[in-house]
């Protein structure tokens, strides 16, 4: 997060069980994240960057190799919902898949088993 009303800059992780954001870093990391995303400027300029990540083992444990496909399908569904909500709010967004995985993990303080799949900046249209 960088420029969001009523929310201080920082890195947040979503806790679905409690429907809450948990702050894991206090600083605005959009510039670092943009560099990790091959200097794509919209990553730095968006008000927020949403990272969709996977823990493949959770799904492959139940579904075997087919679980990888399910993870990718669900990530796409989540990204589509972000697009739809952004459009409803007259905001701009784009899905970014070109980034250095390990650098994104480091910047976002992600656990070893989480793999970033998308960086999705959201903000006012330019």
N, C-alpha and C. Protein backbone atom coordinates (compact mmCIF):
# COMPACT_ATOMS: atom_id res chain seq x y z
N UNK A 1 0.84 -1.17 0.00
CA UNK A 1 0.00 0.00 0.00
C UNK A 1 0.89 1.23 0.00
N UNK A 2 0.42 2.23 -0.69
CA UNK A 2 1.19 3.44 -0.71
C UNK A 2 0.35 4.68 -0.53
N UNK A 3 -0.79 4.74 -1.19
CA UNK A 3 -1.59 5.96 -1.18
C UNK A 3 -3.06 5.59 -1.08
N UNK A 4 -3.46 5.12 0.09
CA UNK A 4 -4.83 4.65 0.30
C UNK A 4 -5.41 5.39 1.51
N UNK A 5 -6.58 5.96 1.32
CA UNK A 5 -7.24 6.69 2.40
C UNK A 5 -7.49 5.77 3.60
N UNK A 6 -7.19 6.27 4.79
CA UNK A 6 -7.41 5.57 6.06
C UNK A 6 -6.55 4.32 6.25
N UNK A 7 -5.45 4.22 5.51
CA UNK A 7 -4.55 3.07 5.66
C UNK A 7 -3.12 3.57 5.49
N UNK A 8 -2.28 3.34 6.48
CA UNK A 8 -0.91 3.83 6.40
C UNK A 8 -0.10 3.01 5.40
N UNK A 9 0.91 3.63 4.78
CA UNK A 9 1.75 2.89 3.83
C UNK A 9 2.39 1.68 4.48
N UNK A 10 2.59 0.64 3.69
CA UNK A 10 3.23 -0.56 4.20
C UNK A 10 2.85 -1.78 3.39
N UNK A 11 3.29 -2.92 3.87
CA UNK A 11 2.96 -4.21 3.25
C UNK A 11 1.99 -4.90 4.19
N UNK A 12 0.89 -5.36 3.62
CA UNK A 12 -0.15 -6.03 4.39
C UNK A 12 -0.40 -7.42 3.82
N UNK A 13 -0.73 -8.33 4.70
CA UNK A 13 -1.13 -9.68 4.28
C UNK A 13 -2.59 -9.85 4.66
N UNK A 14 -3.36 -10.43 3.75
CA UNK A 14 -4.78 -10.65 4.00
C UNK A 14 -4.97 -11.95 4.78
N UNK A 15 -5.73 -11.87 5.85
CA UNK A 15 -6.09 -13.05 6.65
C UNK A 15 -7.54 -13.38 6.34
N UNK A 16 -7.80 -14.41 5.51
CA UNK A 16 -9.18 -14.71 5.11
C UNK A 16 -10.05 -15.23 6.24
N UNK A 17 -9.46 -15.88 7.24
CA UNK A 17 -10.27 -16.40 8.34
C UNK A 17 -10.94 -15.27 9.12
N UNK A 18 -10.23 -14.16 9.27
CA UNK A 18 -10.76 -13.03 10.05
C UNK A 18 -11.12 -11.84 9.17
N UNK A 19 -10.95 -11.99 7.85
CA UNK A 19 -11.24 -10.92 6.90
C UNK A 19 -10.57 -9.61 7.35
N UNK A 20 -9.24 -9.70 7.53
CA UNK A 20 -8.50 -8.54 8.01
C UNK A 20 -7.16 -8.43 7.31
N UNK A 21 -6.60 -7.23 7.34
CA UNK A 21 -5.26 -6.99 6.83
C UNK A 21 -4.30 -6.94 8.01
N UNK A 22 -3.19 -7.66 7.88
CA UNK A 22 -2.16 -7.69 8.92
C UNK A 22 -0.92 -7.01 8.35
N UNK A 23 -0.47 -5.97 9.01
CA UNK A 23 0.70 -5.24 8.53
C UNK A 23 1.97 -6.04 8.82
N UNK A 24 2.79 -6.25 7.77
CA UNK A 24 4.04 -6.99 7.94
C UNK A 24 5.28 -6.12 7.70
N UNK A 25 5.08 -4.94 7.11
CA UNK A 25 6.15 -3.96 6.91
C UNK A 25 5.55 -2.57 6.99
N UNK A 26 6.32 -1.62 7.52
CA UNK A 26 5.81 -0.26 7.70
C UNK A 26 6.12 0.70 6.55
N UNK A 27 6.97 0.30 5.64
CA UNK A 27 7.40 1.24 4.61
C UNK A 27 6.67 1.02 3.29
N UNK A 28 6.66 2.07 2.48
CA UNK A 28 6.07 2.03 1.14
C UNK A 28 7.09 1.36 0.21
N UNK A 29 6.75 0.20 -0.32
CA UNK A 29 7.70 -0.58 -1.12
C UNK A 29 7.41 -0.53 -2.62
N UNK A 30 6.53 0.37 -3.04
CA UNK A 30 6.13 0.39 -4.45
C UNK A 30 7.31 0.60 -5.40
N UNK A 31 8.24 1.45 -5.04
CA UNK A 31 9.39 1.68 -5.93
C UNK A 31 10.25 0.42 -6.04
N UNK A 32 10.52 -0.23 -4.92
CA UNK A 32 11.28 -1.49 -4.94
C UNK A 32 10.55 -2.56 -5.75
N UNK A 33 9.24 -2.62 -5.54
CA UNK A 33 8.43 -3.61 -6.24
C UNK A 33 8.45 -3.35 -7.75
N UNK A 34 8.39 -2.08 -8.14
CA UNK A 34 8.45 -1.73 -9.57
C UNK A 34 9.78 -2.18 -10.17
N UNK A 35 10.87 -1.98 -9.44
CA UNK A 35 12.17 -2.44 -9.92
C UNK A 35 12.19 -3.95 -10.08
N UNK A 36 11.60 -4.66 -9.13
CA UNK A 36 11.53 -6.13 -9.21
C UNK A 36 10.66 -6.58 -10.38
N UNK A 37 9.73 -5.71 -10.78
CA UNK A 37 8.84 -6.00 -11.91
C UNK A 37 9.40 -5.40 -13.20
N UNK A 38 10.70 -5.48 -13.34
CA UNK A 38 11.39 -5.04 -14.56
C UNK A 38 11.13 -3.58 -14.88
N UNK A 39 11.06 -2.76 -13.83
CA UNK A 39 10.89 -1.30 -13.93
C UNK A 39 9.58 -0.89 -14.60
N UNK A 40 8.54 -1.65 -14.40
CA UNK A 40 7.23 -1.29 -14.96
C UNK A 40 6.64 -0.17 -14.09
N UNK A 41 6.53 1.01 -14.67
CA UNK A 41 6.22 2.23 -13.93
C UNK A 41 4.87 2.18 -13.23
N UNK A 42 3.89 1.50 -13.80
CA UNK A 42 2.56 1.48 -13.18
C UNK A 42 2.57 0.77 -11.84
N UNK A 43 3.54 -0.10 -11.60
CA UNK A 43 3.65 -0.76 -10.30
C UNK A 43 4.02 0.28 -9.24
N UNK A 44 4.85 1.24 -9.60
CA UNK A 44 5.25 2.31 -8.68
C UNK A 44 4.15 3.36 -8.55
N UNK A 45 3.41 3.61 -9.62
CA UNK A 45 2.45 4.71 -9.62
C UNK A 45 1.06 4.34 -9.11
N UNK A 46 0.73 3.07 -9.03
CA UNK A 46 -0.58 2.68 -8.51
C UNK A 46 -0.69 3.02 -7.03
N UNK A 47 -1.90 3.27 -6.57
CA UNK A 47 -2.11 3.55 -5.14
C UNK A 47 -1.77 2.32 -4.31
N UNK A 48 -2.08 1.15 -4.84
CA UNK A 48 -1.76 -0.12 -4.18
C UNK A 48 -1.26 -1.11 -5.21
N UNK A 49 -0.56 -2.10 -4.73
CA UNK A 49 -0.17 -3.25 -5.55
C UNK A 49 -0.65 -4.50 -4.81
N UNK A 50 -1.51 -5.25 -5.45
CA UNK A 50 -2.01 -6.50 -4.88
C UNK A 50 -1.16 -7.63 -5.43
N UNK A 51 -0.65 -8.46 -4.55
CA UNK A 51 0.14 -9.62 -4.96
C UNK A 51 -0.72 -10.86 -4.76
N UNK A 52 -0.93 -11.61 -5.83
CA UNK A 52 -1.61 -12.90 -5.71
C UNK A 52 -0.51 -13.95 -5.68
N UNK A 53 -0.53 -14.76 -4.63
CA UNK A 53 0.51 -15.77 -4.44
C UNK A 53 -0.13 -17.13 -4.23
N UNK A 54 0.67 -18.16 -4.43
CA UNK A 54 0.19 -19.54 -4.28
C UNK A 54 1.07 -20.29 -3.30
N UNK A 55 0.44 -21.20 -2.59
CA UNK A 55 1.14 -22.23 -1.83
C UNK A 55 0.70 -23.53 -2.49
N UNK A 56 1.46 -23.95 -3.49
CA UNK A 56 1.06 -25.09 -4.32
C UNK A 56 0.80 -26.36 -3.50
N UNK A 57 1.60 -26.57 -2.47
CA UNK A 57 1.48 -27.79 -1.68
C UNK A 57 0.10 -27.99 -1.07
N UNK A 58 -0.59 -26.92 -0.75
CA UNK A 58 -1.93 -27.04 -0.17
C UNK A 58 -2.89 -27.73 -1.14
N UNK A 59 -2.75 -27.39 -2.42
CA UNK A 59 -3.68 -27.92 -3.42
C UNK A 59 -3.19 -29.23 -4.01
N UNK A 60 -1.89 -29.33 -4.26
CA UNK A 60 -1.38 -30.58 -4.84
C UNK A 60 -1.45 -31.73 -3.84
N UNK A 61 -1.46 -31.42 -2.57
CA UNK A 61 -1.61 -32.46 -1.55
C UNK A 61 -2.93 -33.21 -1.74
N UNK A 62 -3.96 -32.48 -2.13
CA UNK A 62 -5.27 -33.09 -2.32
C UNK A 62 -5.49 -33.57 -3.75
N UNK A 63 -5.03 -32.79 -4.74
CA UNK A 63 -5.36 -33.07 -6.14
C UNK A 63 -4.18 -33.56 -6.98
N UNK A 64 -3.02 -33.74 -6.38
CA UNK A 64 -1.86 -34.17 -7.15
C UNK A 64 -1.43 -33.08 -8.12
N UNK A 65 -0.79 -33.47 -9.22
CA UNK A 65 -0.28 -32.50 -10.20
C UNK A 65 -1.37 -31.61 -10.77
N UNK A 66 -2.59 -32.11 -10.83
CA UNK A 66 -3.71 -31.32 -11.34
C UNK A 66 -3.96 -30.07 -10.48
N UNK A 67 -3.52 -30.14 -9.23
CA UNK A 67 -3.67 -29.01 -8.32
C UNK A 67 -2.98 -27.75 -8.82
N UNK A 68 -1.88 -27.91 -9.55
CA UNK A 68 -1.19 -26.74 -10.11
C UNK A 68 -2.14 -25.99 -11.05
N UNK A 69 -2.85 -26.74 -11.89
CA UNK A 69 -3.82 -26.13 -12.80
C UNK A 69 -4.89 -25.39 -12.01
N UNK A 70 -5.39 -26.02 -10.95
CA UNK A 70 -6.44 -25.40 -10.14
C UNK A 70 -5.96 -24.10 -9.50
N UNK A 71 -4.72 -24.10 -9.02
CA UNK A 71 -4.15 -22.88 -8.44
C UNK A 71 -4.14 -21.76 -9.47
N UNK A 72 -3.69 -22.07 -10.68
CA UNK A 72 -3.62 -21.04 -11.72
C UNK A 72 -5.01 -20.55 -12.12
N UNK A 73 -5.96 -21.45 -12.17
CA UNK A 73 -7.33 -21.04 -12.48
C UNK A 73 -7.86 -20.10 -11.40
N UNK A 74 -7.66 -20.45 -10.15
CA UNK A 74 -8.16 -19.61 -9.05
C UNK A 74 -7.46 -18.26 -9.02
N UNK A 75 -6.17 -18.23 -9.31
CA UNK A 75 -5.45 -16.96 -9.37
C UNK A 75 -6.04 -16.07 -10.47
N UNK A 76 -6.35 -16.67 -11.61
CA UNK A 76 -6.98 -15.92 -12.70
C UNK A 76 -8.35 -15.41 -12.31
N UNK A 77 -9.12 -16.23 -11.60
CA UNK A 77 -10.44 -15.80 -11.15
C UNK A 77 -10.32 -14.61 -10.19
N UNK A 78 -9.38 -14.69 -9.26
CA UNK A 78 -9.18 -13.60 -8.31
C UNK A 78 -8.76 -12.32 -9.04
N UNK A 79 -7.86 -12.45 -10.00
CA UNK A 79 -7.42 -11.28 -10.77
C UNK A 79 -8.58 -10.68 -11.55
N UNK A 80 -9.43 -11.52 -12.12
CA UNK A 80 -10.59 -11.02 -12.85
C UNK A 80 -11.51 -10.23 -11.91
N UNK A 81 -11.69 -10.72 -10.70
CA UNK A 81 -12.54 -10.00 -9.74
C UNK A 81 -11.94 -8.66 -9.35
N UNK A 82 -10.62 -8.58 -9.28
CA UNK A 82 -9.97 -7.29 -9.02
C UNK A 82 -10.24 -6.34 -10.17
N UNK A 83 -10.12 -6.82 -11.41
CA UNK A 83 -10.44 -6.00 -12.58
C UNK A 83 -11.88 -5.50 -12.52
N UNK A 84 -12.81 -6.40 -12.22
CA UNK A 84 -14.23 -6.03 -12.18
C UNK A 84 -14.51 -4.99 -11.10
N UNK A 85 -13.92 -5.17 -9.92
CA UNK A 85 -14.13 -4.19 -8.85
C UNK A 85 -13.49 -2.86 -9.20
N UNK A 86 -12.30 -2.89 -9.80
CA UNK A 86 -11.65 -1.65 -10.22
C UNK A 86 -12.52 -0.91 -11.22
N UNK A 87 -13.07 -1.63 -12.18
CA UNK A 87 -13.95 -0.99 -13.18
C UNK A 87 -15.17 -0.39 -12.52
N UNK A 88 -15.76 -1.09 -11.57
CA UNK A 88 -16.92 -0.59 -10.84
C UNK A 88 -16.60 0.72 -10.12
N UNK A 89 -15.39 0.83 -9.60
CA UNK A 89 -14.97 2.02 -8.86
C UNK A 89 -14.29 3.06 -9.75
N UNK A 90 -14.31 2.83 -11.07
CA UNK A 90 -13.69 3.72 -12.04
C UNK A 90 -12.18 3.89 -11.78
N UNK A 91 -11.54 2.79 -11.41
CA UNK A 91 -10.10 2.77 -11.19
C UNK A 91 -9.43 1.98 -12.31
N UNK A 92 -8.15 2.20 -12.47
CA UNK A 92 -7.39 1.45 -13.46
C UNK A 92 -6.62 0.33 -12.80
N UNK A 93 -6.37 -0.73 -13.55
CA UNK A 93 -5.57 -1.85 -13.06
C UNK A 93 -4.97 -2.59 -14.24
N UNK A 94 -3.99 -3.42 -13.95
CA UNK A 94 -3.37 -4.27 -14.95
C UNK A 94 -2.71 -5.43 -14.22
N UNK A 95 -2.72 -6.60 -14.84
CA UNK A 95 -2.01 -7.73 -14.23
C UNK A 95 -0.58 -7.75 -14.77
N UNK A 96 0.35 -7.93 -13.87
CA UNK A 96 1.77 -7.97 -14.22
C UNK A 96 2.30 -9.35 -13.85
N UNK A 97 2.86 -10.02 -14.82
CA UNK A 97 3.44 -11.33 -14.58
C UNK A 97 4.94 -11.36 -14.76
N UNK A 98 5.50 -10.26 -15.26
CA UNK A 98 6.95 -10.18 -15.49
C UNK A 98 7.61 -9.55 -14.27
N UNK A 99 8.21 -10.38 -13.46
CA UNK A 99 8.91 -9.90 -12.26
C UNK A 99 9.88 -10.99 -11.79
N UNK A 100 10.80 -10.57 -10.95
CA UNK A 100 11.75 -11.51 -10.34
C UNK A 100 11.11 -12.08 -9.08
N UNK A 101 10.74 -13.35 -9.14
CA UNK A 101 10.00 -13.99 -8.05
C UNK A 101 10.67 -13.81 -6.69
N UNK A 102 11.94 -14.14 -6.61
CA UNK A 102 12.64 -14.10 -5.32
C UNK A 102 12.70 -12.68 -4.76
N UNK A 103 12.87 -11.72 -5.63
CA UNK A 103 12.92 -10.32 -5.17
C UNK A 103 11.55 -9.88 -4.65
N UNK A 104 10.49 -10.25 -5.34
CA UNK A 104 9.14 -9.92 -4.87
C UNK A 104 8.89 -10.57 -3.51
N UNK A 105 9.28 -11.82 -3.37
CA UNK A 105 9.11 -12.51 -2.08
C UNK A 105 9.84 -11.78 -0.96
N UNK A 106 11.04 -11.34 -1.25
CA UNK A 106 11.84 -10.62 -0.25
C UNK A 106 11.17 -9.29 0.12
N UNK A 107 10.80 -8.51 -0.87
CA UNK A 107 10.17 -7.21 -0.64
C UNK A 107 8.88 -7.36 0.16
N UNK A 108 8.10 -8.37 -0.18
CA UNK A 108 6.78 -8.55 0.44
C UNK A 108 6.83 -9.38 1.72
N UNK A 109 8.01 -9.77 2.15
CA UNK A 109 8.18 -10.58 3.38
C UNK A 109 7.34 -11.85 3.33
N UNK A 110 7.40 -12.54 2.19
CA UNK A 110 6.61 -13.75 1.98
C UNK A 110 7.34 -14.98 2.51
N UNK A 111 6.61 -15.92 3.09
CA UNK A 111 7.23 -17.18 3.53
C UNK A 111 7.79 -17.96 2.34
N UNK A 112 8.70 -18.87 2.63
CA UNK A 112 9.37 -19.65 1.59
C UNK A 112 8.41 -20.40 0.68
N UNK A 113 7.31 -20.93 1.24
CA UNK A 113 6.40 -21.76 0.44
C UNK A 113 5.41 -20.96 -0.40
N UNK A 114 5.37 -19.64 -0.24
CA UNK A 114 4.48 -18.81 -1.06
C UNK A 114 5.21 -18.37 -2.33
N UNK A 115 4.54 -18.53 -3.46
CA UNK A 115 5.10 -18.17 -4.76
C UNK A 115 4.24 -17.06 -5.37
N UNK A 116 4.83 -15.90 -5.67
CA UNK A 116 4.04 -14.83 -6.29
C UNK A 116 3.67 -15.19 -7.73
N UNK A 117 2.41 -14.96 -8.08
CA UNK A 117 1.93 -15.24 -9.43
C UNK A 117 1.60 -13.96 -10.20
N UNK A 118 1.06 -12.99 -9.52
CA UNK A 118 0.68 -11.72 -10.14
C UNK A 118 1.09 -10.57 -9.24
N UNK A 119 1.45 -9.46 -9.85
CA UNK A 119 1.50 -8.16 -9.20
C UNK A 119 0.42 -7.35 -9.90
N UNK A 120 -0.51 -6.80 -9.12
CA UNK A 120 -1.65 -6.11 -9.71
C UNK A 120 -1.75 -4.70 -9.12
N UNK A 121 -1.20 -3.70 -9.82
CA UNK A 121 -1.37 -2.33 -9.35
C UNK A 121 -2.80 -1.85 -9.61
N UNK A 122 -3.31 -1.05 -8.67
CA UNK A 122 -4.65 -0.47 -8.79
C UNK A 122 -4.53 1.00 -8.41
N UNK A 123 -5.17 1.86 -9.18
CA UNK A 123 -5.15 3.28 -8.84
C UNK A 123 -6.05 4.08 -9.76
N UNK A 124 -5.99 5.39 -9.56
CA UNK A 124 -6.78 6.28 -10.41
C UNK A 124 -6.26 6.21 -11.84
N UNK A 125 -7.19 6.32 -12.76
CA UNK A 125 -6.80 6.29 -14.18
C UNK A 125 -6.01 7.53 -14.52
N UNK A 126 -4.98 7.35 -15.36
CA UNK A 126 -4.11 8.45 -15.76
C UNK A 126 -4.68 9.26 -16.78
